[in-house]
Protein backbone atom coordinates (compact mmCIF):
# COMPACT_ATOMS: atom_id res chain seq x y z
CA UNK A 1 -0.12 0.27 0.36
CA UNK A 2 3.22 2.21 1.31
CA UNK A 3 4.08 1.27 -2.45
CA UNK A 4 1.45 3.19 -3.92
CA UNK A 5 0.15 5.64 -2.29
CA UNK A 6 1.73 9.08 -0.08
CA UNK A 7 1.19 9.21 2.98
CA UNK A 8 2.18 12.08 5.43
CA UNK A 9 2.23 10.13 8.61
CA UNK A 10 2.52 6.15 9.08
CA UNK A 11 2.17 4.97 12.99
CA UNK A 12 3.17 1.30 14.14
CA UNK A 13 3.36 -0.76 16.61
CA UNK A 14 7.08 -1.82 17.56
CA UNK A 15 5.86 -5.71 17.72
CA UNK A 16 3.78 -7.01 15.52
CA UNK A 17 3.54 -10.60 14.26
CA UNK A 18 5.11 -11.13 10.57
CA UNK A 19 7.43 -7.47 11.05
CA UNK A 20 8.60 -5.35 13.54
CA UNK A 21 8.03 -1.88 13.13
CA UNK A 22 11.54 -1.35 13.26
CA UNK A 23 11.58 -3.50 10.52
CA UNK A 24 9.19 -1.98 8.74
CA UNK A 25 10.86 1.51 8.79
CA UNK A 26 14.14 0.36 7.72
CA UNK A 27 12.51 -1.51 4.35
CA UNK A 28 10.41 2.06 3.15
CA UNK A 29 13.23 4.10 4.13
CA UNK A 30 16.04 1.44 2.61
CA UNK A 31 13.34 0.95 -0.66
CA UNK A 32 13.20 5.04 -0.75
CA UNK A 33 9.61 4.63 -0.70
CA UNK A 34 7.54 7.50 1.63
CA UNK A 35 11.14 9.73 1.46
CA UNK A 36 9.11 12.47 2.93
CA UNK A 37 6.71 10.13 5.46
CA UNK A 38 6.51 10.94 8.96
CA UNK A 39 7.02 8.01 10.76
CA UNK A 40 5.52 7.58 14.56
CA UNK A 41 6.35 4.27 16.67
CA UNK A 42 3.99 3.55 18.94
CA UNK A 43 5.48 0.68 22.06
CA UNK A 44 4.81 -0.80 25.43
CA UNK A 45 7.39 0.56 26.76
CA UNK A 46 11.09 1.08 25.95
CA UNK A 47 12.95 -1.76 23.56
CA UNK A 48 14.58 -3.55 26.28
CA UNK A 49 15.29 -6.36 24.58
CA UNK A 50 16.72 -4.58 22.00
CA UNK A 51 20.80 -4.14 21.60
CA UNK A 52 22.26 -1.04 21.90
CA UNK A 53 22.92 -0.38 18.16
CA UNK A 54 19.26 -1.64 17.35
CA UNK A 55 17.53 0.89 19.65
CA UNK A 56 20.56 3.85 18.08
CA UNK A 57 18.78 2.53 14.65
CA UNK A 58 15.16 2.52 15.55
CA UNK A 59 15.70 6.18 16.77
CA UNK A 60 17.15 7.27 13.82
CA UNK A 61 14.94 6.21 11.62
CA UNK A 62 12.07 7.39 13.86
CA UNK A 63 10.22 11.06 14.03
CA UNK A 64 7.77 10.38 17.22
CA UNK A 65 7.16 7.73 19.26
CA UNK A 66 3.78 7.11 21.81
CA UNK A 67 4.12 5.06 24.96
CA UNK A 68 1.31 2.85 25.98
CA UNK A 69 -1.27 3.63 26.76
CA UNK A 70 -1.82 6.58 25.94
CA UNK A 71 -5.19 9.13 25.38
CA UNK A 72 -6.29 11.29 22.72
CA UNK A 73 -4.29 14.24 24.38
CA UNK A 74 -0.71 12.72 23.97
CA UNK A 75 -1.33 11.40 20.00
CA UNK A 76 -2.96 15.10 19.53
CA UNK A 77 0.00 16.85 21.14
CA UNK A 78 2.54 14.74 19.47
CA UNK A 79 1.07 15.79 15.84
CA UNK A 80 1.49 19.63 16.72
CA UNK A 81 4.78 18.90 17.61
CA UNK A 82 5.72 17.21 14.53
CA UNK A 83 4.06 19.65 12.41
CA UNK A 84 5.96 22.31 14.38
CA UNK A 85 8.97 20.95 13.27
CA UNK A 86 11.16 21.35 10.46
CA UNK A 87 12.61 18.54 8.48
CA UNK A 88 15.63 17.00 9.83
CA UNK A 89 14.83 18.58 13.46
CA UNK A 90 14.93 16.28 16.97
CA UNK A 91 12.40 13.62 17.58
CA UNK A 92 9.51 13.98 19.55
CA UNK A 93 8.36 11.73 22.50
CA UNK A 94 5.24 11.18 24.27
CA UNK A 95 4.15 8.77 27.16
């Protein structure tokens, strides 16, 4: 779907059955698909089972994250922050 449509944002969970969220993001970026799309991950916590290198790579590939459980206000605040940031700025987290 992401190859055929343009999306401003992609929200993905880190833990998914067939492909982790970070694998999805890496694949999209490696294939030069959705270059202007902002990626947001949702997670039940900081990825403690990831190595330091995996966490570093994930941080470099995302534009923000939400820690579960999150509420409507946190989602709204995240999107407001992303809209106000210029491309290439710091990452945004809400929990």
